[in-house]
């Protein structure tokens, strides 16, 4: 019984320490890295799987870093005191309940950025300086998002998509192949639109709280109807990108598997318009949006791998 209690305390402590990392949301990173790996395999037929693991470690570290920085910013600005949390927005709530973990969270950020830097230095040395601009821009996005970019509507809208789309997908492709690729860029536009949409829809419950601490994203600069229009436009552009990429032979035919998530996208668009003022009714559609973000790049990657078996 005593051992069980001690194990429970350890698990509870670990859960608190990892809270600001927002671990459940980290699954998005492997999906985006897989897409870059898929384009690399499609063009080069083989890659180093050890290097692929290194890329994944760097990408997950970057995601952890930006999550932890966001938690620190939300706590320090007082945003956590105004936020009504949902399963998809409002942060983990770790620091408001345990402010003594602020130092630990800062250490998490430091370790994450050091890992990102180490991975970036390795691949720059191995593949060439051409990777450096992506790495530097990625670090700028990670560090500046919560303290700067959230005050500018357009930058706040596109920064998440830029990080998980062109920076992560194209960066993965270059790290594994040493070349830039039109196919990787076209593929990267899918998470660009989807992840920008992910953060946009997740901002709907937090409009008043964000306004109270000086943030100025699209929903504050305009209104929720405009946000719903942009959300729908970005979803449409996601699927247009996949279709055009295949039509122009930038992507293999089976990449069209990504279109399967239209079955979720159509009701998600409906929900964004119908319930943008009713957060409780919007929540199921926010869940659909998360699934769209994860499933679409995974299905595209699966399609690329299926095409490889035909060669």
C-alpha atoms as a PDB file:
ATOM      1  CA  UNK A   1       0.000   0.000   0.000  1.00  0.00           C
ATOM      2  CA  UNK A   2       2.818   2.428   0.894  1.00  0.00           C
ATOM      3  CA  UNK A   3       4.602   1.596  -2.365  1.00  0.00           C
ATOM      4  CA  UNK A   4       1.374   2.173  -4.291  1.00  0.00           C
ATOM      5  CA  UNK A   5       0.962   5.583  -2.645  1.00  0.00           C
ATOM      6  CA  UNK A   6       4.541   6.532  -3.485  1.00  0.00           C
ATOM      7  CA  UNK A   7       4.064   5.429  -7.095  1.00  0.00           C
ATOM      8  CA  UNK A   8       0.879   7.453  -7.231  1.00  0.00           C
ATOM      9  CA  UNK A   9       2.689  10.528  -5.927  1.00  0.00           C
ATOM     10  CA  UNK A  10       5.435  10.088  -8.520  1.00  0.00           C
ATOM     11  CA  UNK A  11       2.897   9.732 -11.321  1.00  0.00           C
ATOM     12  CA  UNK A  12       1.001  12.753 -10.069  1.00  0.00           C
ATOM     13  CA  UNK A  13       4.189  14.809  -9.955  1.00  0.00           C
ATOM     14  CA  UNK A  14       5.151  13.670 -13.455  1.00  0.00           C
ATOM     15  CA  UNK A  15       1.720  14.609 -14.747  1.00  0.00           C
ATOM     16  CA  UNK A  16       2.113  18.097 -13.293  1.00  0.00           C
ATOM     17  CA  UNK A  17       5.598  18.565 -14.753  1.00  0.00           C
ATOM     18  CA  UNK A  18       4.475  17.443 -18.213  1.00  0.00           C
ATOM     19  CA  UNK A  19       1.222  19.421 -18.039  1.00  0.00           C
ATOM     20  CA  UNK A  20       2.635  22.587 -19.673  1.00  0.00           C
ATOM     21  CA  UNK A  21       3.951  20.439 -22.532  1.00  0.00           C
ATOM     22  CA  UNK A  22       0.309  19.707 -23.489  1.00  0.00           C
ATOM     23  CA  UNK A  23       1.278  16.129 -24.294  1.00  0.00           C
ATOM     24  CA  UNK A  24      -2.082  15.063 -25.844  1.00  0.00           C
ATOM     25  CA  UNK A  25      -1.601  17.671 -28.567  1.00  0.00           C
ATOM     26  CA  UNK A  26       1.915  16.529 -29.500  1.00  0.00           C
ATOM     27  CA  UNK A  27       0.482  13.817 -31.782  1.00  0.00           C
ATOM     28  CA  UNK A  28       0.112  16.494 -34.462  1.00  0.00           C
ATOM     29  CA  UNK A  29       3.900  16.706 -34.833  1.00  0.00           C
ATOM     30  CA  UNK A  30       4.544  13.083 -35.932  1.00  0.00           C
ATOM     31  CA  UNK A  31       1.722  13.435 -38.469  1.00  0.00           C
ATOM     32  CA  UNK A  32       3.415  16.465 -40.070  1.00  0.00           C
ATOM     33  CA  UNK A  33       6.907  14.960 -39.890  1.00  0.00           C
ATOM     34  CA  UNK A  34       5.526  11.801 -41.526  1.00  0.00           C
ATOM     35  CA  UNK A  35       4.289  13.901 -44.452  1.00  0.00           C
ATOM     36  CA  UNK A  36       7.779  15.315 -45.030  1.00  0.00           C
ATOM     37  CA  UNK A  37       9.215  11.832 -44.733  1.00  0.00           C
ATOM     38  CA  UNK A  38       6.620  10.617 -47.241  1.00  0.00           C
ATOM     39  CA  UNK A  39       7.695  13.151 -49.884  1.00  0.00           C
ATOM     40  CA  UNK A  40      11.348  12.274 -49.195  1.00  0.00           C
ATOM     41  CA  UNK A  41      10.664   8.585 -49.737  1.00  0.00           C
ATOM     42  CA  UNK A  42       8.569   9.306 -52.820  1.00  0.00           C
ATOM     43  CA  UNK A  43      11.423  11.205 -54.459  1.00  0.00           C
ATOM     44  CA  UNK A  44      14.450   9.369 -53.061  1.00  0.00           C
ATOM     45  CA  UNK A  45      13.023   5.855 -52.351  1.00  0.00           C
ATOM     46  CA  UNK A  46      15.018   5.493 -49.116  1.00  0.00           C
ATOM     47  CA  UNK A  47      16.034   7.591 -46.134  1.00  0.00           C
ATOM     48  CA  UNK A  48      17.990   7.066 -42.935  1.00  0.00           C
ATOM     49  CA  UNK A  49      15.494   6.058 -40.279  1.00  0.00           C
ATOM     50  CA  UNK A  50      17.907   7.136 -37.533  1.00  0.00           C
ATOM     51  CA  UNK A  51      17.941  10.591 -39.076  1.00  0.00           C
ATOM     52  CA  UNK A  52      14.150  10.477 -39.314  1.00  0.00           C
ATOM     53  CA  UNK A  53      14.031   9.809 -35.558  1.00  0.00           C
ATOM     54  CA  UNK A  54      16.389  12.753 -34.992  1.00  0.00           C
ATOM     55  CA  UNK A  55      14.111  15.002 -37.066  1.00  0.00           C
ATOM     56  CA  UNK A  56      11.121  13.840 -35.019  1.00  0.00           C
ATOM     57  CA  UNK A  57      12.939  14.578 -31.748  1.00  0.00           C
ATOM     58  CA  UNK A  58      13.722  18.092 -32.949  1.00  0.00           C
ATOM     59  CA  UNK A  59      10.175  18.707 -34.157  1.00  0.00           C
ATOM     60  CA  UNK A  60       8.542  17.396 -30.964  1.00  0.00           C
ATOM     61  CA  UNK A  61      10.978  19.487 -28.906  1.00  0.00           C
ATOM     62  CA  UNK A  62       9.953  22.592 -30.842  1.00  0.00           C
ATOM     63  CA  UNK A  63       6.282  21.796 -30.232  1.00  0.00           C
ATOM     64  CA  UNK A  64       6.912  21.264 -26.520  1.00  0.00           C
ATOM     65  CA  UNK A  65       8.855  24.513 -26.379  1.00  0.00           C
ATOM     66  CA  UNK A  66       6.116  26.613 -27.941  1.00  0.00           C
ATOM     67  CA  UNK A  67       3.472  24.948 -25.746  1.00  0.00           C
ATOM     68  CA  UNK A  68       5.438  25.601 -22.554  1.00  0.00           C
ATOM     69  CA  UNK A  69       6.159  29.206 -23.595  1.00  0.00           C
ATOM     70  CA  UNK A  70       2.458  29.683 -24.224  1.00  0.00           C
ATOM     71  CA  UNK A  71       1.655  28.317 -20.761  1.00  0.00           C
ATOM     72  CA  UNK A  72       4.155  30.738 -19.199  1.00  0.00           C
ATOM     73  CA  UNK A  73       2.739  33.654 -21.181  1.00  0.00           C
ATOM     74  CA  UNK A  74      -0.877  32.791 -20.283  1.00  0.00           C
ATOM     75  CA  UNK A  75       0.036  32.530 -16.601  1.00  0.00           C
ATOM     76  CA  UNK A  76       2.225  35.640 -16.432  1.00  0.00           C
ATOM     77  CA  UNK A  77      -0.242  37.824 -18.344  1.00  0.00           C
ATOM     78  CA  UNK A  78      -3.165  36.763 -16.156  1.00  0.00           C
ATOM     79  CA  UNK A  79      -4.976  35.181 -19.090  1.00  0.00           C
ATOM     80  CA  UNK A  80      -5.435  31.950 -17.140  1.00  0.00           C
ATOM     81  CA  UNK A  81      -7.596  33.856 -14.654  1.00  0.00           C
ATOM     82  CA  UNK A  82     -10.097  34.773 -17.380  1.00  0.00           C
ATOM     83  CA  UNK A  83     -10.133  31.626 -19.504  1.00  0.00           C
ATOM     84  CA  UNK A  84     -12.933  29.084 -19.536  1.00  0.00           C
ATOM     85  CA  UNK A  85     -11.032  25.921 -20.450  1.00  0.00           C
ATOM     86  CA  UNK A  86     -12.280  23.370 -22.939  1.00  0.00           C
ATOM     87  CA  UNK A  87     -10.663  20.068 -23.993  1.00  0.00           C
ATOM     88  CA  UNK A  88      -9.212  21.940 -26.983  1.00  0.00           C
ATOM     89  CA  UNK A  89      -8.413  25.418 -25.686  1.00  0.00           C
ATOM     90  CA  UNK A  90      -7.436  27.409 -22.638  1.00  0.00           C
ATOM     91  CA  UNK A  91      -4.159  25.641 -21.845  1.00  0.00           C
ATOM     92  CA  UNK A  92      -3.478  22.891 -19.346  1.00  0.00           C
ATOM     93  CA  UNK A  93      -4.288  24.891 -16.205  1.00  0.00           C
ATOM     94  CA  UNK A  94      -1.139  23.551 -14.548  1.00  0.00           C
ATOM     95  CA  UNK A  95       0.552  26.818 -13.562  1.00  0.00           C
ATOM     96  CA  UNK A  96      -2.500  28.556 -12.040  1.00  0.00           C
ATOM     97  CA  UNK A  97      -2.953  25.567  -9.733  1.00  0.00           C
ATOM     98  CA  UNK A  98       0.770  25.045  -9.128  1.00  0.00           C
ATOM     99  CA  UNK A  99       2.674  28.318  -9.600  1.00  0.00           C
ATOM    100  CA  UNK A 100       5.749  26.725  -8.022  1.00  0.00           C
ATOM    101  CA  UNK A 101       6.187  24.842 -11.321  1.00  0.00           C
ATOM    102  CA  UNK A 102       6.967  28.064 -13.199  1.00  0.00           C
ATOM    103  CA  UNK A 103      10.717  27.462 -12.836  1.00  0.00           C
ATOM    104  CA  UNK A 104      10.325  23.862 -14.028  1.00  0.00           C
ATOM    105  CA  UNK A 105       8.335  25.043 -17.027  1.00  0.00           C
ATOM    106  CA  UNK A 106      11.046  27.551 -17.906  1.00  0.00           C
ATOM    107  CA  UNK A 107      13.567  24.728 -17.692  1.00  0.00           C
ATOM    108  CA  UNK A 108      11.356  22.713 -20.044  1.00  0.00           C
ATOM    109  CA  UNK A 109      11.522  25.548 -22.556  1.00  0.00           C
ATOM    110  CA  UNK A 110      15.313  25.799 -22.241  1.00  0.00           C
ATOM    111  CA  UNK A 111      15.885  22.058 -22.698  1.00  0.00           C
ATOM    112  CA  UNK A 112      13.461  21.961 -25.625  1.00  0.00           C
ATOM    113  CA  UNK A 113      15.194  24.819 -27.429  1.00  0.00           C
ATOM    114  CA  UNK A 114      18.616  23.281 -26.799  1.00  0.00           C
ATOM    115  CA  UNK A 115      17.432  20.017 -28.356  1.00  0.00           C
ATOM    116  CA  UNK A 116      15.990  21.891 -31.333  1.00  0.00           C
ATOM    117  CA  UNK A 117      19.268  23.748 -31.737  1.00  0.00           C
ATOM    118  CA  UNK A 118      21.351  20.572 -31.494  1.00  0.00           C
ATOM    119  CA  UNK A 119      19.257  18.786 -34.129  1.00  0.00           C
ATOM    120  CA  UNK A 120      19.363  21.846 -36.357  1.00  0.00           C
ATOM    121  CA  UNK A 121      23.143  22.176 -36.072  1.00  0.00           C
ATOM    122  CA  UNK A 122      23.615  18.488 -36.910  1.00  0.00           C
ATOM    123  CA  UNK A 123      21.522  18.582 -40.067  1.00  0.00           C
ATOM    124  CA  UNK A 124      22.982  21.921 -41.166  1.00  0.00           C
ATOM    125  CA  UNK A 125      26.442  20.402 -40.862  1.00  0.00           C
ATOM    126  CA  UNK A 126      25.430  17.217 -42.698  1.00  0.00           C
ATOM    127  CA  UNK A 127      23.114  18.626 -45.396  1.00  0.00           C
ATOM    128  CA  UNK A 128      24.372  22.175 -45.844  1.00  0.00           C
ATOM    129  CA  UNK A 129      23.742  25.779 -44.843  1.00  0.00           C
ATOM    130  CA  UNK A 130      20.601  25.915 -47.015  1.00  0.00           C
ATOM    131  CA  UNK A 131      18.681  24.447 -44.064  1.00  0.00           C
ATOM    132  CA  UNK A 132      19.690  27.338 -41.830  1.00  0.00           C
ATOM    133  CA  UNK A 133      17.012  29.858 -42.933  1.00  0.00           C
ATOM    134  CA  UNK A 134      14.242  27.381 -42.102  1.00  0.00           C
ATOM    135  CA  UNK A 135      15.783  26.626 -38.715  1.00  0.00           C
ATOM    136  CA  UNK A 136      16.215  30.278 -37.779  1.00  0.00           C
ATOM    137  CA  UNK A 137      12.681  31.171 -38.883  1.00  0.00           C
ATOM    138  CA  UNK A 138      11.358  28.200 -36.922  1.00  0.00           C
ATOM    139  CA  UNK A 139      13.068  29.354 -33.723  1.00  0.00           C
ATOM    140  CA  UNK A 140      11.757  32.889 -34.268  1.00  0.00           C
ATOM    141  CA  UNK A 141       8.196  31.565 -34.588  1.00  0.00           C
ATOM    142  CA  UNK A 142       8.552  29.388 -31.473  1.00  0.00           C
ATOM    143  CA  UNK A 143       9.960  32.160 -29.293  1.00  0.00           C
ATOM    144  CA  UNK A 144       7.840  35.051 -30.553  1.00  0.00           C
ATOM    145  CA  UNK A 145       4.400  33.486 -30.984  1.00  0.00           C
ATOM    146  CA  UNK A 146       3.009  33.935 -27.469  1.00  0.00           C
ATOM    147  CA  UNK A 147       4.605  37.318 -26.743  1.00  0.00           C
ATOM    148  CA  UNK A 148       4.487  39.077 -30.109  1.00  0.00           C
ATOM    149  CA  UNK A 149       2.680  37.361 -32.966  1.00  0.00           C
ATOM    150  CA  UNK A 150      -0.600  37.017 -31.036  1.00  0.00           C
ATOM    151  CA  UNK A 151      -0.961  40.818 -31.197  1.00  0.00           C
ATOM    152  CA  UNK A 152      -1.085  40.905 -35.006  1.00  0.00           C
ATOM    153  CA  UNK A 153      -4.137  39.229 -36.607  1.00  0.00           C
ATOM    154  CA  UNK A 154      -2.571  38.000 -39.860  1.00  0.00           C
ATOM    155  CA  UNK A 155       0.679  36.848 -38.247  1.00  0.00           C
ATOM    156  CA  UNK A 156      -1.232  35.117 -35.454  1.00  0.00           C
ATOM    157  CA  UNK A 157      -3.402  33.369 -38.054  1.00  0.00           C
ATOM    158  CA  UNK A 158      -0.623  32.007 -40.264  1.00  0.00           C
ATOM    159  CA  UNK A 159       2.223  31.430 -37.783  1.00  0.00           C
ATOM    160  CA  UNK A 160       0.973  28.021 -36.518  1.00  0.00           C
ATOM    161  CA  UNK A 161       0.425  26.804 -40.068  1.00  0.00           C
ATOM    162  CA  UNK A 162       3.824  28.093 -41.118  1.00  0.00           C
ATOM    163  CA  UNK A 163       5.458  26.201 -38.254  1.00  0.00           C
ATOM    164  CA  UNK A 164       3.737  22.861 -38.838  1.00  0.00           C
ATOM    165  CA  UNK A 165       3.489  23.229 -42.612  1.00  0.00           C
ATOM    166  CA  UNK A 166       6.366  24.636 -44.688  1.00  0.00           C
ATOM    167  CA  UNK A 167       8.872  24.751 -41.821  1.00  0.00           C
ATOM    168  CA  UNK A 168       8.219  21.245 -40.483  1.00  0.00           C
ATOM    169  CA  UNK A 169       7.321  19.358 -43.661  1.00  0.00           C
ATOM    170  CA  UNK A 170       9.815  21.029 -46.007  1.00  0.00           C
ATOM    171  CA  UNK A 171      12.409  21.021 -43.207  1.00  0.00           C
ATOM    172  CA  UNK A 172      11.940  17.276 -42.712  1.00  0.00           C
ATOM    173  CA  UNK A 173      12.254  16.655 -46.437  1.00  0.00           C
ATOM    174  CA  UNK A 174      15.465  18.690 -46.683  1.00  0.00           C
ATOM    175  CA  UNK A 175      16.973  17.145 -43.540  1.00  0.00           C
ATOM    176  CA  UNK A 176      16.460  13.659 -44.999  1.00  0.00           C
ATOM    177  CA  UNK A 177      17.401  14.366 -48.623  1.00  0.00           C
ATOM    178  CA  UNK A 178      19.567  17.491 -48.704  1.00  0.00           C
ATOM    179  CA  UNK A 179      17.314  19.058 -51.346  1.00  0.00           C
ATOM    180  CA  UNK A 180      14.321  21.342 -51.507  1.00  0.00           C
ATOM    181  CA  UNK A 181      11.331  19.981 -53.370  1.00  0.00           C
ATOM    182  CA  UNK A 182       8.231  21.372 -55.025  1.00  0.00           C
ATOM    183  CA  UNK A 183       6.383  18.217 -53.951  1.00  0.00           C
ATOM    184  CA  UNK A 184       7.296  18.787 -50.302  1.00  0.00           C
ATOM    185  CA  UNK A 185       6.244  22.436 -50.535  1.00  0.00           C
ATOM    186  CA  UNK A 186       2.868  21.603 -52.090  1.00  0.00           C
ATOM    187  CA  UNK A 187       2.300  18.889 -49.467  1.00  0.00           C
ATOM    188  CA  UNK A 188       3.280  21.325 -46.701  1.00  0.00           C
ATOM    189  CA  UNK A 189       0.448  23.677 -47.673  1.00  0.00           C
ATOM    190  CA  UNK A 190      -2.023  21.101 -46.329  1.00  0.00           C
ATOM    191  CA  UNK A 191      -0.867  21.391 -42.679  1.00  0.00           C
ATOM    192  CA  UNK A 192      -0.332  25.111 -43.293  1.00  0.00           C
ATOM    193  CA  UNK A 193      -4.045  25.613 -43.874  1.00  0.00           C
ATOM    194  CA  UNK A 194      -5.172  22.952 -41.393  1.00  0.00           C
ATOM    195  CA  UNK A 195      -3.052  24.001 -38.408  1.00  0.00           C
ATOM    196  CA  UNK A 196      -3.827  27.692 -38.985  1.00  0.00           C
ATOM    197  CA  UNK A 197      -7.474  26.611 -38.869  1.00  0.00           C
ATOM    198  CA  UNK A 198      -6.856  24.520 -35.752  1.00  0.00           C
ATOM    199  CA  UNK A 199      -5.626  27.483 -33.745  1.00  0.00           C
ATOM    200  CA  UNK A 200      -8.267  29.771 -35.262  1.00  0.00           C
ATOM    201  CA  UNK A 201     -11.200  27.571 -34.210  1.00  0.00           C
ATOM    202  CA  UNK A 202      -9.641  27.011 -30.795  1.00  0.00           C
ATOM    203  CA  UNK A 203      -9.628  30.776 -30.252  1.00  0.00           C
ATOM    204  CA  UNK A 204     -13.434  31.004 -30.393  1.00  0.00           C
ATOM    205  CA  UNK A 205     -13.940  30.200 -26.687  1.00  0.00           C
ATOM    206  CA  UNK A 206     -11.192  32.626 -25.603  1.00  0.00           C
ATOM    207  CA  UNK A 207     -12.102  35.846 -27.407  1.00  0.00           C
ATOM    208  CA  UNK A 208     -12.998  37.897 -24.336  1.00  0.00           C
ATOM    209  CA  UNK A 209     -10.139  36.498 -22.250  1.00  0.00           C
ATOM    210  CA  UNK A 210      -7.625  37.186 -25.043  1.00  0.00           C
ATOM    211  CA  UNK A 211      -8.952  40.717 -25.494  1.00  0.00           C
ATOM    212  CA  UNK A 212      -8.569  41.364 -21.766  1.00  0.00           C
ATOM    213  CA  UNK A 213      -4.795  40.751 -21.882  1.00  0.00           C
ATOM    214  CA  UNK A 214      -4.086  42.660 -25.084  1.00  0.00           C
ATOM    215  CA  UNK A 215      -4.109  39.900 -27.667  1.00  0.00           C
ATOM    216  CA  UNK A 216      -5.468  40.809 -31.082  1.00  0.00           C
ATOM    217  CA  UNK A 217      -6.094  37.817 -33.281  1.00  0.00           C
ATOM    218  CA  UNK A 218      -8.548  37.666 -36.180  1.00  0.00           C
ATOM    219  CA  UNK A 219     -11.641  37.098 -34.030  1.00  0.00           C
ATOM    220  CA  UNK A 220     -10.849  40.246 -32.041  1.00  0.00           C
ATOM    221  CA  UNK A 221      -9.780  42.393 -34.992  1.00  0.00           C
ATOM    222  CA  UNK A 222     -12.886  41.356 -36.963  1.00  0.00           C
ATOM    223  CA  UNK A 223     -15.600  39.075 -35.533  1.00  0.00           C
ATOM    224  CA  UNK A 224     -16.561  35.414 -35.248  1.00  0.00           C
ATOM    225  CA  UNK A 225     -18.467  35.366 -38.532  1.00  0.00           C
ATOM    226  CA  UNK A 226     -15.342  36.545 -40.334  1.00  0.00           C
ATOM    227  CA  UNK A 227     -13.394  33.903 -38.451  1.00  0.00           C
ATOM    228  CA  UNK A 228     -15.869  31.248 -39.626  1.00  0.00           C
ATOM    229  CA  UNK A 229     -15.464  32.434 -43.225  1.00  0.00           C
ATOM    230  CA  UNK A 230     -11.666  32.255 -43.034  1.00  0.00           C
ATOM    231  CA  UNK A 231     -11.871  28.860 -41.326  1.00  0.00           C
ATOM    232  CA  UNK A 232     -14.038  27.517 -44.152  1.00  0.00           C
ATOM    233  CA  UNK A 233     -11.849  29.091 -46.833  1.00  0.00           C
ATOM    234  CA  UNK A 234      -8.730  27.462 -45.385  1.00  0.00           C
ATOM    235  CA  UNK A 235     -10.478  24.075 -45.283  1.00  0.00           C
ATOM    236  CA  UNK A 236     -11.473  24.431 -48.933  1.00  0.00           C
ATOM    237  CA  UNK A 237      -7.901  25.421 -49.857  1.00  0.00           C
ATOM    238  CA  UNK A 238      -6.614  22.327 -48.037  1.00  0.00           C
ATOM    239  CA  UNK A 239      -8.473  19.962 -50.324  1.00  0.00           C
ATOM    240  CA  UNK A 240      -7.900  22.080 -53.430  1.00  0.00           C
ATOM    241  CA  UNK A 241      -4.160  21.852 -52.686  1.00  0.00           C
ATOM    242  CA  UNK A 242      -4.281  18.042 -52.551  1.00  0.00           C
ATOM    243  CA  UNK A 243      -6.279  17.790 -55.787  1.00  0.00           C
ATOM    244  CA  UNK A 244      -4.160  20.316 -57.695  1.00  0.00           C
ATOM    245  CA  UNK A 245      -0.946  18.721 -56.396  1.00  0.00           C
ATOM    246  CA  UNK A 246      -2.016  15.376 -57.843  1.00  0.00           C
ATOM    247  CA  UNK A 247      -3.391  16.909 -61.052  1.00  0.00           C
ATOM    248  CA  UNK A 248      -0.064  18.652 -61.744  1.00  0.00           C
ATOM    249  CA  UNK A 249       1.961  15.526 -60.818  1.00  0.00           C
ATOM    250  CA  UNK A 250       3.614  17.118 -57.810  1.00  0.00           C
ATOM    251  CA  UNK A 251       2.009  14.453 -55.620  1.00  0.00           C
ATOM    252  CA  UNK A 252       1.285  10.781 -56.391  1.00  0.00           C
ATOM    253  CA  UNK A 253      -2.289   9.814 -57.170  1.00  0.00           C
ATOM    254  CA  UNK A 254      -2.912   7.942 -53.926  1.00  0.00           C
ATOM    255  CA  UNK A 255      -2.267  11.157 -51.998  1.00  0.00           C
ATOM    256  CA  UNK A 256      -5.937  11.760 -52.777  1.00  0.00           C
ATOM    257  CA  UNK A 257      -6.622   9.567 -49.730  1.00  0.00           C
ATOM    258  CA  UNK A 258      -6.335  12.821 -47.819  1.00  0.00           C
ATOM    259  CA  UNK A 259      -9.672  13.846 -49.317  1.00  0.00           C
ATOM    260  CA  UNK A 260     -11.385  11.269 -47.090  1.00  0.00           C
ATOM    261  CA  UNK A 261     -11.413  13.791 -44.249  1.00  0.00           C
ATOM    262  CA  UNK A 262     -13.850  15.907 -46.259  1.00  0.00           C
ATOM    263  CA  UNK A 263     -16.409  13.744 -44.470  1.00  0.00           C
ATOM    264  CA  UNK A 264     -15.442  15.614 -41.300  1.00  0.00           C
ATOM    265  CA  UNK A 265     -14.584  18.946 -42.886  1.00  0.00           C
ATOM    266  CA  UNK A 266     -18.046  19.617 -44.272  1.00  0.00           C
ATOM    267  CA  UNK A 267     -19.853  19.290 -40.926  1.00  0.00           C
ATOM    268  CA  UNK A 268     -16.996  21.203 -39.237  1.00  0.00           C
ATOM    269  CA  UNK A 269     -17.618  24.145 -41.581  1.00  0.00           C
ATOM    270  CA  UNK A 270     -21.308  23.965 -40.819  1.00  0.00           C
ATOM    271  CA  UNK A 271     -20.603  23.938 -37.081  1.00  0.00           C
ATOM    272  CA  UNK A 272     -18.246  26.924 -37.292  1.00  0.00           C
ATOM    273  CA  UNK A 273     -20.996  29.022 -38.865  1.00  0.00           C
ATOM    274  CA  UNK A 274     -23.959  27.682 -36.900  1.00  0.00           C
ATOM    275  CA  UNK A 275     -22.463  27.611 -33.407  1.00  0.00           C
ATOM    276  CA  UNK A 276     -19.693  30.218 -33.340  1.00  0.00           C
ATOM    277  CA  UNK A 277     -21.543  32.002 -30.526  1.00  0.00           C
ATOM    278  CA  UNK A 278     -22.440  28.801 -28.676  1.00  0.00           C
ATOM    279  CA  UNK A 279     -19.212  27.245 -27.446  1.00  0.00           C
ATOM    280  CA  UNK A 280     -20.898  24.242 -25.864  1.00  0.00           C
ATOM    281  CA  UNK A 281     -22.473  23.298 -29.199  1.00  0.00           C
ATOM    282  CA  UNK A 282     -19.222  24.135 -31.035  1.00  0.00           C
ATOM    283  CA  UNK A 283     -17.104  21.677 -29.003  1.00  0.00           C
ATOM    284  CA  UNK A 284     -17.923  18.525 -31.059  1.00  0.00           C
ATOM    285  CA  UNK A 285     -16.881  20.368 -34.204  1.00  0.00           C
ATOM    286  CA  UNK A 286     -13.644  21.472 -32.529  1.00  0.00           C
ATOM    287  CA  UNK A 287     -13.020  17.780 -31.899  1.00  0.00           C
ATOM    288  CA  UNK A 288     -13.677  17.024 -35.568  1.00  0.00           C
ATOM    289  CA  UNK A 289     -11.194  19.738 -36.463  1.00  0.00           C
ATOM    290  CA  UNK A 290      -8.480  18.042 -34.397  1.00  0.00           C
ATOM    291  CA  UNK A 291      -9.148  14.741 -36.183  1.00  0.00           C
ATOM    292  CA  UNK A 292      -8.958  16.466 -39.574  1.00  0.00           C
ATOM    293  CA  UNK A 293      -5.562  17.923 -38.678  1.00  0.00           C
ATOM    294  CA  UNK A 294      -4.124  14.568 -37.647  1.00  0.00           C
ATOM    295  CA  UNK A 295      -5.799  12.248 -40.139  1.00  0.00           C
ATOM    296  CA  UNK A 296      -5.285  14.248 -43.341  1.00  0.00           C
ATOM    297  CA  UNK A 297      -1.451  14.262 -43.405  1.00  0.00           C
ATOM    298  CA  UNK A 298      -1.386  10.648 -42.184  1.00  0.00           C
ATOM    299  CA  UNK A 299      -3.711   9.552 -45.005  1.00  0.00           C
ATOM    300  CA  UNK A 300      -1.642  11.505 -47.538  1.00  0.00           C
ATOM    301  CA  UNK A 301       1.526   9.820 -46.279  1.00  0.00           C
ATOM    302  CA  UNK A 302      -0.146   6.414 -46.393  1.00  0.00           C
ATOM    303  CA  UNK A 303      -1.117   7.122 -50.008  1.00  0.00           C
ATOM    304  CA  UNK A 304       2.494   7.992 -50.906  1.00  0.00           C
ATOM    305  CA  UNK A 305       3.755   4.773 -49.305  1.00  0.00           C
ATOM    306  CA  UNK A 306       1.139   2.766 -51.200  1.00  0.00           C
ATOM    307  CA  UNK A 307       2.368   4.322 -54.448  1.00  0.00           C
ATOM    308  CA  UNK A 308       5.928   3.333 -53.566  1.00  0.00           C
ATOM    309  CA  UNK A 309       4.945  -0.329 -53.514  1.00  0.00           C
ATOM    310  CA  UNK A 310       3.929  -0.033 -57.171  1.00  0.00           C
ATOM    311  CA  UNK A 311       7.373   1.133 -58.269  1.00  0.00           C
END
